[in-house]
Amino acid sequence: MNPDRLRVRRAVPGDEPVLRRLRIEALTEAPEAFSSTLAREKARTEADWRRWLSPGITLLLEEAGVARGLVAGALDRDDAHIAHLMAMWIDPALRGSGTADLLVQAHFDWARSAGARVVRLGVIDTNARARRLYERHGFRVTGPGPFSADGRREIHMERPLDEATGLSGEELP
């Protein structure tokens, strides 16, 4: 991985095919890591993918102009001071290289700019690698979440945004 070839950018209308491709790759590669299913993602319409892009944010990690990861964010419906980090995925070839850190930091920058004070997420309890990533970024477990239809347990995690993120956010519009 060449860090000079990486950038994080906000997905915009027209990126629906890219988002669809990434989500299908994610659910094909790691179906156990998500609350969605491959069948559900494949069945989404173009209008569904357009709705995905709003009202929150979807950030794409690109390597040499090719999308290789994503993270989505949305403000809480009941409390705009809470931002949710969702649907995080990185191409397996880039894992362990620090690229996930770029997406998490960019999400923090967006959340802060949107007025959030806290970032929350849910992670499947057996996804130790993702949990370590989030803990490295200051997330702490706040409790167990619900069981999924297939019996997996989600863990809720949270991180205050009063700490510096370490990323300028210059590439985000």
N, C-alpha and C. Protein backbone atom coordinates (compact mmCIF):
# COMPACT_ATOMS: atom_id res chain seq x y z
N MET A 1 0.83 -1.18 0.00
CA MET A 1 0.00 0.00 0.00
C MET A 1 0.88 1.24 0.00
N ASN A 2 0.58 2.14 -0.89
CA ASN A 2 1.29 3.41 -0.97
C ASN A 2 0.36 4.50 -0.42
N PRO A 3 0.70 5.10 0.74
CA PRO A 3 -0.19 6.09 1.35
C PRO A 3 -0.47 7.28 0.45
N ASP A 4 0.42 7.58 -0.49
CA ASP A 4 0.20 8.71 -1.39
C ASP A 4 -0.92 8.41 -2.39
N ARG A 5 -1.26 7.14 -2.54
CA ARG A 5 -2.30 6.75 -3.49
C ARG A 5 -3.67 6.62 -2.82
N LEU A 6 -3.75 6.94 -1.51
CA LEU A 6 -4.99 6.81 -0.75
C LEU A 6 -5.64 8.15 -0.51
N ARG A 7 -6.96 8.14 -0.54
CA ARG A 7 -7.71 9.32 -0.13
C ARG A 7 -9.08 8.88 0.35
N VAL A 8 -9.65 9.68 1.23
CA VAL A 8 -11.01 9.47 1.69
C VAL A 8 -11.83 10.61 1.12
N ARG A 9 -12.97 10.24 0.52
CA ARG A 9 -13.84 11.28 -0.01
C ARG A 9 -15.29 10.93 0.30
N ARG A 10 -16.10 11.96 0.30
CA ARG A 10 -17.53 11.79 0.52
C ARG A 10 -18.17 11.23 -0.75
N ALA A 11 -19.00 10.20 -0.59
CA ALA A 11 -19.76 9.68 -1.72
C ALA A 11 -20.82 10.70 -2.10
N VAL A 12 -21.04 10.83 -3.39
CA VAL A 12 -21.99 11.81 -3.92
C VAL A 12 -22.95 11.10 -4.88
N PRO A 13 -24.06 11.76 -5.23
CA PRO A 13 -24.93 11.16 -6.23
C PRO A 13 -24.11 10.79 -7.47
N GLY A 14 -24.37 9.62 -7.97
CA GLY A 14 -23.57 9.06 -9.07
C GLY A 14 -22.67 7.95 -8.58
N ASP A 15 -22.42 7.90 -7.24
CA ASP A 15 -21.59 6.85 -6.65
C ASP A 15 -22.40 5.61 -6.25
N GLU A 16 -23.68 5.56 -6.59
CA GLU A 16 -24.51 4.44 -6.19
C GLU A 16 -23.94 3.09 -6.67
N PRO A 17 -23.45 2.98 -7.91
CA PRO A 17 -22.87 1.69 -8.33
C PRO A 17 -21.63 1.32 -7.51
N VAL A 18 -20.85 2.30 -7.12
CA VAL A 18 -19.65 2.04 -6.30
C VAL A 18 -20.07 1.54 -4.93
N LEU A 19 -21.05 2.20 -4.34
CA LEU A 19 -21.55 1.79 -3.03
C LEU A 19 -22.11 0.38 -3.10
N ARG A 20 -22.88 0.10 -4.12
CA ARG A 20 -23.45 -1.24 -4.28
C ARG A 20 -22.34 -2.29 -4.39
N ARG A 21 -21.35 -2.02 -5.21
CA ARG A 21 -20.23 -2.97 -5.38
C ARG A 21 -19.53 -3.22 -4.05
N LEU A 22 -19.24 -2.15 -3.31
CA LEU A 22 -18.54 -2.31 -2.03
C LEU A 22 -19.37 -3.10 -1.02
N ARG A 23 -20.66 -2.79 -0.95
CA ARG A 23 -21.52 -3.51 0.00
C ARG A 23 -21.63 -4.99 -0.37
N ILE A 24 -21.72 -5.30 -1.64
CA ILE A 24 -21.79 -6.70 -2.05
C ILE A 24 -20.47 -7.39 -1.74
N GLU A 25 -19.35 -6.72 -2.00
CA GLU A 25 -18.05 -7.30 -1.63
C GLU A 25 -17.98 -7.54 -0.13
N ALA A 26 -18.43 -6.57 0.66
CA ALA A 26 -18.38 -6.68 2.12
C ALA A 26 -19.21 -7.86 2.61
N LEU A 27 -20.43 -7.97 2.10
CA LEU A 27 -21.32 -9.04 2.57
C LEU A 27 -20.91 -10.40 2.01
N THR A 28 -20.21 -10.42 0.89
CA THR A 28 -19.68 -11.67 0.36
C THR A 28 -18.47 -12.11 1.18
N GLU A 29 -17.59 -11.17 1.48
CA GLU A 29 -16.35 -11.47 2.18
C GLU A 29 -16.56 -11.73 3.67
N ALA A 30 -17.43 -10.98 4.32
CA ALA A 30 -17.58 -11.07 5.78
C ALA A 30 -19.05 -10.97 6.18
N PRO A 31 -19.89 -11.90 5.75
CA PRO A 31 -21.32 -11.79 6.05
C PRO A 31 -21.63 -11.76 7.55
N GLU A 32 -20.76 -12.38 8.34
CA GLU A 32 -20.99 -12.43 9.78
C GLU A 32 -20.75 -11.10 10.48
N ALA A 33 -20.16 -10.14 9.78
CA ALA A 33 -19.80 -8.86 10.40
C ALA A 33 -20.89 -7.80 10.30
N PHE A 34 -21.95 -8.09 9.58
CA PHE A 34 -22.96 -7.07 9.30
C PHE A 34 -24.35 -7.54 9.70
N SER A 35 -25.21 -6.58 9.99
CA SER A 35 -26.58 -6.93 10.32
C SER A 35 -27.43 -7.12 9.07
N SER A 36 -26.92 -6.75 7.92
CA SER A 36 -27.62 -6.97 6.66
C SER A 36 -27.22 -8.33 6.09
N THR A 37 -27.80 -8.66 4.95
CA THR A 37 -27.47 -9.91 4.27
C THR A 37 -27.10 -9.62 2.82
N LEU A 38 -26.40 -10.54 2.22
CA LEU A 38 -26.03 -10.40 0.82
C LEU A 38 -27.28 -10.31 -0.05
N ALA A 39 -28.27 -11.12 0.23
CA ALA A 39 -29.51 -11.09 -0.56
C ALA A 39 -30.18 -9.73 -0.45
N ARG A 40 -30.20 -9.16 0.73
CA ARG A 40 -30.82 -7.84 0.91
C ARG A 40 -30.07 -6.78 0.11
N GLU A 41 -28.75 -6.79 0.17
CA GLU A 41 -27.96 -5.79 -0.55
C GLU A 41 -28.13 -5.94 -2.06
N LYS A 42 -28.16 -7.17 -2.55
CA LYS A 42 -28.33 -7.40 -3.98
C LYS A 42 -29.72 -6.96 -4.45
N ALA A 43 -30.71 -7.01 -3.57
CA ALA A 43 -32.08 -6.66 -3.95
C ALA A 43 -32.35 -5.15 -3.90
N ARG A 44 -31.43 -4.38 -3.36
CA ARG A 44 -31.65 -2.93 -3.28
C ARG A 44 -31.75 -2.33 -4.68
N THR A 45 -32.62 -1.37 -4.81
CA THR A 45 -32.78 -0.66 -6.08
C THR A 45 -31.85 0.55 -6.12
N GLU A 46 -31.74 1.16 -7.28
CA GLU A 46 -30.93 2.37 -7.38
C GLU A 46 -31.47 3.45 -6.45
N ALA A 47 -32.79 3.53 -6.31
CA ALA A 47 -33.38 4.50 -5.39
C ALA A 47 -32.97 4.19 -3.94
N ASP A 48 -32.88 2.91 -3.59
CA ASP A 48 -32.40 2.54 -2.25
C ASP A 48 -30.98 3.04 -2.02
N TRP A 49 -30.12 2.87 -3.04
CA TRP A 49 -28.74 3.31 -2.90
C TRP A 49 -28.66 4.84 -2.82
N ARG A 50 -29.51 5.55 -3.54
CA ARG A 50 -29.54 7.02 -3.43
C ARG A 50 -29.93 7.43 -2.03
N ARG A 51 -30.92 6.74 -1.45
CA ARG A 51 -31.34 7.06 -0.07
C ARG A 51 -30.21 6.79 0.92
N TRP A 52 -29.38 5.79 0.63
CA TRP A 52 -28.26 5.46 1.51
C TRP A 52 -27.36 6.69 1.68
N LEU A 53 -27.22 7.47 0.61
CA LEU A 53 -26.30 8.61 0.61
C LEU A 53 -26.81 9.81 1.41
N SER A 54 -28.05 9.80 1.85
CA SER A 54 -28.56 10.93 2.61
C SER A 54 -29.47 10.40 3.72
N PRO A 55 -29.67 11.08 4.79
CA PRO A 55 -29.24 12.43 5.09
C PRO A 55 -27.88 12.48 5.79
N GLY A 56 -27.28 11.34 6.07
CA GLY A 56 -25.99 11.32 6.74
C GLY A 56 -24.84 11.46 5.77
N ILE A 57 -23.85 10.60 5.94
CA ILE A 57 -22.67 10.65 5.09
C ILE A 57 -22.20 9.23 4.80
N THR A 58 -21.67 9.05 3.61
CA THR A 58 -20.95 7.83 3.27
C THR A 58 -19.58 8.27 2.79
N LEU A 59 -18.56 7.72 3.40
CA LEU A 59 -17.18 8.03 3.04
C LEU A 59 -16.56 6.84 2.35
N LEU A 60 -15.88 7.11 1.24
CA LEU A 60 -15.22 6.07 0.47
C LEU A 60 -13.72 6.20 0.62
N LEU A 61 -13.07 5.09 0.85
CA LEU A 61 -11.61 5.02 0.85
C LEU A 61 -11.20 4.59 -0.54
N GLU A 62 -10.41 5.42 -1.20
CA GLU A 62 -9.95 5.10 -2.55
C GLU A 62 -8.45 4.91 -2.57
N GLU A 63 -8.03 3.92 -3.33
CA GLU A 63 -6.61 3.69 -3.60
C GLU A 63 -6.44 3.84 -5.10
N ALA A 64 -5.65 4.82 -5.50
CA ALA A 64 -5.41 5.10 -6.91
C ALA A 64 -6.73 5.24 -7.67
N GLY A 65 -7.71 5.89 -7.03
CA GLY A 65 -8.99 6.17 -7.68
C GLY A 65 -10.00 5.04 -7.65
N VAL A 66 -9.66 3.91 -7.03
CA VAL A 66 -10.57 2.77 -6.94
C VAL A 66 -11.05 2.64 -5.50
N ALA A 67 -12.37 2.61 -5.31
CA ALA A 67 -12.94 2.49 -3.97
C ALA A 67 -12.60 1.12 -3.38
N ARG A 68 -12.01 1.15 -2.17
CA ARG A 68 -11.56 -0.08 -1.52
C ARG A 68 -12.11 -0.22 -0.11
N GLY A 69 -12.93 0.75 0.33
CA GLY A 69 -13.52 0.66 1.66
C GLY A 69 -14.55 1.75 1.84
N LEU A 70 -15.32 1.62 2.91
CA LEU A 70 -16.34 2.62 3.18
C LEU A 70 -16.71 2.64 4.65
N VAL A 71 -17.30 3.75 5.05
CA VAL A 71 -17.95 3.88 6.35
C VAL A 71 -19.11 4.85 6.15
N ALA A 72 -20.19 4.58 6.84
CA ALA A 72 -21.35 5.47 6.77
C ALA A 72 -21.57 6.09 8.14
N GLY A 73 -22.22 7.23 8.14
CA GLY A 73 -22.54 7.91 9.38
C GLY A 73 -23.88 8.59 9.29
N ALA A 74 -24.53 8.71 10.43
CA ALA A 74 -25.80 9.43 10.49
C ALA A 74 -25.95 9.98 11.89
N LEU A 75 -26.59 11.13 11.98
CA LEU A 75 -26.92 11.67 13.29
C LEU A 75 -28.11 10.92 13.84
N ASP A 76 -28.14 10.77 15.14
CA ASP A 76 -29.22 10.08 15.82
C ASP A 76 -30.54 10.82 15.58
N ARG A 77 -31.59 10.10 15.35
CA ARG A 77 -32.90 10.73 15.08
C ARG A 77 -33.44 11.50 16.27
N ASP A 78 -33.09 11.05 17.48
CA ASP A 78 -33.62 11.69 18.68
C ASP A 78 -32.66 12.68 19.34
N ASP A 79 -31.38 12.58 19.02
CA ASP A 79 -30.39 13.45 19.65
C ASP A 79 -29.28 13.76 18.64
N ALA A 80 -29.31 14.96 18.07
CA ALA A 80 -28.34 15.34 17.03
C ALA A 80 -26.93 15.48 17.56
N HIS A 81 -26.72 15.35 18.86
CA HIS A 81 -25.37 15.38 19.42
C HIS A 81 -24.72 14.00 19.38
N ILE A 82 -25.45 13.02 18.86
CA ILE A 82 -24.93 11.65 18.74
C ILE A 82 -24.83 11.30 17.27
N ALA A 83 -23.63 10.87 16.86
CA ALA A 83 -23.43 10.38 15.49
C ALA A 83 -23.19 8.88 15.56
N HIS A 84 -23.72 8.17 14.57
CA HIS A 84 -23.54 6.73 14.49
C HIS A 84 -22.53 6.40 13.40
N LEU A 85 -21.61 5.51 13.71
CA LEU A 85 -20.65 4.97 12.75
C LEU A 85 -21.21 3.62 12.31
N MET A 86 -21.39 3.44 10.99
CA MET A 86 -22.08 2.24 10.51
C MET A 86 -21.41 1.70 9.24
N ALA A 87 -21.64 0.43 9.00
CA ALA A 87 -21.31 -0.22 7.72
C ALA A 87 -19.83 -0.15 7.35
N MET A 88 -18.96 -0.11 8.32
CA MET A 88 -17.52 0.00 8.06
C MET A 88 -17.00 -1.28 7.41
N TRP A 89 -16.24 -1.10 6.33
CA TRP A 89 -15.60 -2.25 5.67
C TRP A 89 -14.39 -1.78 4.90
N ILE A 90 -13.33 -2.59 4.94
CA ILE A 90 -12.08 -2.35 4.20
C ILE A 90 -11.76 -3.62 3.43
N ASP A 91 -11.32 -3.44 2.20
CA ASP A 91 -10.87 -4.57 1.39
C ASP A 91 -9.83 -5.35 2.19
N PRO A 92 -9.95 -6.69 2.27
CA PRO A 92 -9.02 -7.48 3.07
C PRO A 92 -7.55 -7.25 2.72
N ALA A 93 -7.24 -6.93 1.47
CA ALA A 93 -5.84 -6.70 1.07
C ALA A 93 -5.25 -5.47 1.74
N LEU A 94 -6.10 -4.56 2.23
CA LEU A 94 -5.61 -3.34 2.88
C LEU A 94 -5.65 -3.40 4.40
N ARG A 95 -6.23 -4.45 4.95
CA ARG A 95 -6.34 -4.54 6.41
C ARG A 95 -4.97 -4.66 7.05
N GLY A 96 -4.84 -4.03 8.19
CA GLY A 96 -3.57 -4.03 8.90
C GLY A 96 -2.59 -2.99 8.41
N SER A 97 -3.02 -2.16 7.47
CA SER A 97 -2.13 -1.16 6.88
C SER A 97 -2.39 0.27 7.37
N GLY A 98 -3.39 0.43 8.23
CA GLY A 98 -3.74 1.76 8.71
C GLY A 98 -4.85 2.44 7.92
N THR A 99 -5.33 1.79 6.87
CA THR A 99 -6.36 2.43 6.06
C THR A 99 -7.68 2.57 6.81
N ALA A 100 -7.99 1.62 7.68
CA ALA A 100 -9.23 1.73 8.47
C ALA A 100 -9.17 2.97 9.35
N ASP A 101 -7.98 3.29 9.84
CA ASP A 101 -7.82 4.48 10.67
C ASP A 101 -8.23 5.74 9.90
N LEU A 102 -7.90 5.79 8.62
CA LEU A 102 -8.27 6.95 7.81
C LEU A 102 -9.78 7.13 7.76
N LEU A 103 -10.51 6.04 7.60
CA LEU A 103 -11.97 6.13 7.54
C LEU A 103 -12.56 6.53 8.90
N VAL A 104 -12.06 5.94 9.96
CA VAL A 104 -12.58 6.29 11.29
C VAL A 104 -12.32 7.77 11.58
N GLN A 105 -11.12 8.23 11.30
CA GLN A 105 -10.79 9.63 11.56
C GLN A 105 -11.64 10.57 10.70
N ALA A 106 -11.86 10.21 9.44
CA ALA A 106 -12.70 11.05 8.58
C ALA A 106 -14.14 11.08 9.10
N HIS A 107 -14.60 9.96 9.61
CA HIS A 107 -15.95 9.93 10.21
C HIS A 107 -16.00 10.86 11.42
N PHE A 108 -14.97 10.83 12.26
CA PHE A 108 -14.91 11.74 13.41
C PHE A 108 -14.98 13.19 12.95
N ASP A 109 -14.23 13.52 11.92
CA ASP A 109 -14.23 14.90 11.41
C ASP A 109 -15.64 15.30 10.95
N TRP A 110 -16.30 14.41 10.22
CA TRP A 110 -17.66 14.70 9.79
C TRP A 110 -18.59 14.88 10.99
N ALA A 111 -18.52 13.96 11.94
CA ALA A 111 -19.41 14.01 13.11
C ALA A 111 -19.23 15.31 13.87
N ARG A 112 -17.98 15.70 14.07
CA ARG A 112 -17.71 16.96 14.78
C ARG A 112 -18.28 18.14 13.99
N SER A 113 -18.08 18.15 12.68
CA SER A 113 -18.57 19.27 11.87
C SER A 113 -20.10 19.30 11.85
N ALA A 114 -20.75 18.16 12.07
CA ALA A 114 -22.20 18.09 12.11
C ALA A 114 -22.76 18.45 13.49
N GLY A 115 -21.88 18.73 14.45
CA GLY A 115 -22.32 19.14 15.78
C GLY A 115 -22.43 18.01 16.78
N ALA A 116 -21.99 16.82 16.42
CA ALA A 116 -22.07 15.70 17.35
C ALA A 116 -21.02 15.85 18.45
N ARG A 117 -21.34 15.29 19.59
CA ARG A 117 -20.41 15.27 20.72
C ARG A 117 -19.95 13.86 21.05
N VAL A 118 -20.69 12.88 20.53
CA VAL A 118 -20.43 11.47 20.83
C VAL A 118 -20.61 10.67 19.54
N VAL A 119 -19.78 9.64 19.36
CA VAL A 119 -19.96 8.69 18.26
C VAL A 119 -20.29 7.34 18.88
N ARG A 120 -21.33 6.71 18.35
CA ARG A 120 -21.75 5.38 18.81
C ARG A 120 -21.71 4.40 17.65
N LEU A 121 -21.53 3.14 17.99
CA LEU A 121 -21.54 2.09 16.99
C LEU A 121 -21.96 0.79 17.63
N GLY A 122 -22.29 -0.16 16.79
CA GLY A 122 -22.53 -1.52 17.21
C GLY A 122 -21.60 -2.42 16.43
N VAL A 123 -21.04 -3.40 17.10
CA VAL A 123 -20.14 -4.34 16.45
C VAL A 123 -20.51 -5.75 16.91
N ILE A 124 -20.51 -6.69 15.99
CA ILE A 124 -20.82 -8.08 16.33
C ILE A 124 -19.77 -8.57 17.32
N ASP A 125 -20.21 -9.21 18.39
CA ASP A 125 -19.30 -9.56 19.49
C ASP A 125 -18.15 -10.47 19.08
N THR A 126 -18.30 -11.23 18.02
CA THR A 126 -17.22 -12.12 17.57
C THR A 126 -16.24 -11.44 16.62
N ASN A 127 -16.47 -10.18 16.29
CA ASN A 127 -15.59 -9.45 15.36
C ASN A 127 -14.48 -8.76 16.15
N ALA A 128 -13.53 -9.55 16.63
CA ALA A 128 -12.47 -9.05 17.50
C ALA A 128 -11.59 -8.01 16.81
N ARG A 129 -11.31 -8.19 15.55
CA ARG A 129 -10.45 -7.24 14.83
C ARG A 129 -11.08 -5.85 14.79
N ALA A 130 -12.36 -5.79 14.45
CA ALA A 130 -13.06 -4.50 14.41
C ALA A 130 -13.12 -3.88 15.80
N ARG A 131 -13.38 -4.70 16.78
CA ARG A 131 -13.46 -4.18 18.15
C ARG A 131 -12.12 -3.57 18.58
N ARG A 132 -11.02 -4.22 18.24
CA ARG A 132 -9.69 -3.66 18.56
C ARG A 132 -9.47 -2.33 17.85
N LEU A 133 -9.89 -2.24 16.58
CA LEU A 133 -9.78 -0.98 15.84
C LEU A 133 -10.51 0.13 16.59
N TYR A 134 -11.76 -0.13 16.96
CA TYR A 134 -12.56 0.89 17.62
C TYR A 134 -11.98 1.24 19.00
N GLU A 135 -11.50 0.26 19.73
CA GLU A 135 -10.88 0.54 21.03
C GLU A 135 -9.64 1.40 20.86
N ARG A 136 -8.86 1.15 19.81
CA ARG A 136 -7.66 1.95 19.54
C ARG A 136 -8.03 3.41 19.30
N HIS A 137 -9.24 3.65 18.82
CA HIS A 137 -9.71 5.02 18.56
C HIS A 137 -10.52 5.59 19.71
N GLY A 138 -10.43 4.96 20.87
CA GLY A 138 -11.05 5.52 22.07
C GLY A 138 -12.47 5.07 22.35
N PHE A 139 -13.01 4.15 21.59
CA PHE A 139 -14.35 3.63 21.88
C PHE A 139 -14.29 2.71 23.08
N ARG A 140 -15.32 2.76 23.89
CA ARG A 140 -15.46 1.88 25.04
C ARG A 140 -16.81 1.19 24.96
N VAL A 141 -16.85 -0.04 25.44
CA VAL A 141 -18.10 -0.80 25.45
C VAL A 141 -19.07 -0.14 26.42
N THR A 142 -20.30 0.05 25.95
CA THR A 142 -21.34 0.63 26.81
C THR A 142 -22.40 -0.40 27.17
N GLY A 143 -22.34 -1.55 26.56
CA GLY A 143 -23.28 -2.60 26.91
C GLY A 143 -23.58 -3.51 25.74
N PRO A 144 -24.29 -4.59 26.04
CA PRO A 144 -24.68 -5.49 24.97
C PRO A 144 -25.83 -4.91 24.18
N GLY A 145 -25.86 -5.25 22.92
CA GLY A 145 -26.96 -4.86 22.06
C GLY A 145 -27.88 -6.04 21.85
N PRO A 146 -28.74 -5.93 20.88
CA PRO A 146 -29.70 -7.01 20.62
C PRO A 146 -29.04 -8.20 19.94
N PHE A 147 -29.73 -9.32 20.01
CA PHE A 147 -29.32 -10.49 19.24
C PHE A 147 -29.88 -10.35 17.84
N SER A 148 -29.11 -10.79 16.85
CA SER A 148 -29.60 -10.78 15.47
C SER A 148 -30.49 -12.00 15.26
N ALA A 149 -31.14 -12.05 14.11
CA ALA A 149 -32.03 -13.16 13.80
C ALA A 149 -31.30 -14.50 13.83
N ASP A 150 -29.99 -14.47 13.53
CA ASP A 150 -29.23 -15.73 13.53
C ASP A 150 -28.52 -15.99 14.86
N GLY A 151 -28.85 -15.21 15.89
CA GLY A 151 -28.33 -15.48 17.23
C GLY A 151 -27.04 -14.78 17.59
N ARG A 152 -26.53 -13.93 16.70
CA ARG A 152 -25.30 -13.20 17.03
C ARG A 152 -25.64 -12.01 17.92
N ARG A 153 -24.72 -11.66 18.80
CA ARG A 153 -24.92 -10.54 19.71
C ARG A 153 -24.12 -9.34 19.23
N GLU A 154 -24.73 -8.19 19.29
CA GLU A 154 -24.05 -6.94 18.98
C GLU A 154 -23.60 -6.30 20.29
N ILE A 155 -22.45 -5.67 20.26
CA ILE A 155 -21.95 -4.92 21.41
C ILE A 155 -22.02 -3.44 21.04
N HIS A 156 -22.53 -2.63 21.94
CA HIS A 156 -22.57 -1.19 21.71
C HIS A 156 -21.30 -0.55 22.26
N MET A 157 -20.76 0.39 21.49
CA MET A 157 -19.55 1.11 21.89
C MET A 157 -19.79 2.60 21.67
N GLU A 158 -19.03 3.41 22.40
CA GLU A 158 -19.21 4.86 22.32
C GLU A 158 -17.87 5.56 22.55
N ARG A 159 -17.76 6.75 21.96
CA ARG A 159 -16.55 7.56 22.12
C ARG A 159 -16.94 9.04 22.11
N PRO A 160 -16.49 9.80 23.11
CA PRO A 160 -16.73 11.25 23.07
C PRO A 160 -15.87 11.89 22.00
N LEU A 161 -16.33 13.02 21.47
CA LEU A 161 -15.60 13.71 20.41
C LEU A 161 -14.83 14.92 20.90
N ASP A 162 -14.55 14.99 22.17
CA ASP A 162 -13.82 16.15 22.67
C ASP A 162 -12.31 16.01 22.48
N GLU A 163 -11.87 14.91 21.92
CA GLU A 163 -10.46 14.69 21.68
C GLU A 163 -10.12 15.03 20.23
N ALA A 164 -8.88 15.39 19.96
CA ALA A 164 -8.45 15.69 18.60
C ALA A 164 -8.49 14.42 17.75
N THR A 165 -8.82 14.57 16.47
CA THR A 165 -8.93 13.41 15.60
C THR A 165 -7.64 13.08 14.88
N GLY A 166 -6.80 14.05 14.63
CA GLY A 166 -5.55 13.75 13.94
C GLY A 166 -5.67 13.79 12.42
N LEU A 167 -6.82 14.14 11.87
CA LEU A 167 -6.98 14.22 10.43
C LEU A 167 -7.59 15.56 10.11
N SER A 168 -7.08 16.23 9.13
CA SER A 168 -7.53 17.58 8.83
C SER A 168 -8.91 17.63 8.19
N GLY A 169 -9.28 16.59 7.48
CA GLY A 169 -10.57 16.58 6.79
C GLY A 169 -10.58 17.45 5.54
N GLU A 170 -9.41 17.85 5.06
CA GLU A 170 -9.34 18.76 3.93
C GLU A 170 -9.97 18.20 2.66
N GLU A 171 -10.03 16.87 2.53
CA GLU A 171 -10.56 16.30 1.30
C GLU A 171 -12.08 16.18 1.34
N LEU A 172 -12.69 16.42 2.49
CA LEU A 172 -14.13 16.30 2.58
C LEU A 172 -14.77 17.63 2.24
N PRO A 173 -15.81 17.58 1.39
CA PRO A 173 -16.48 18.83 1.04
C PRO A 173 -17.29 19.38 2.20
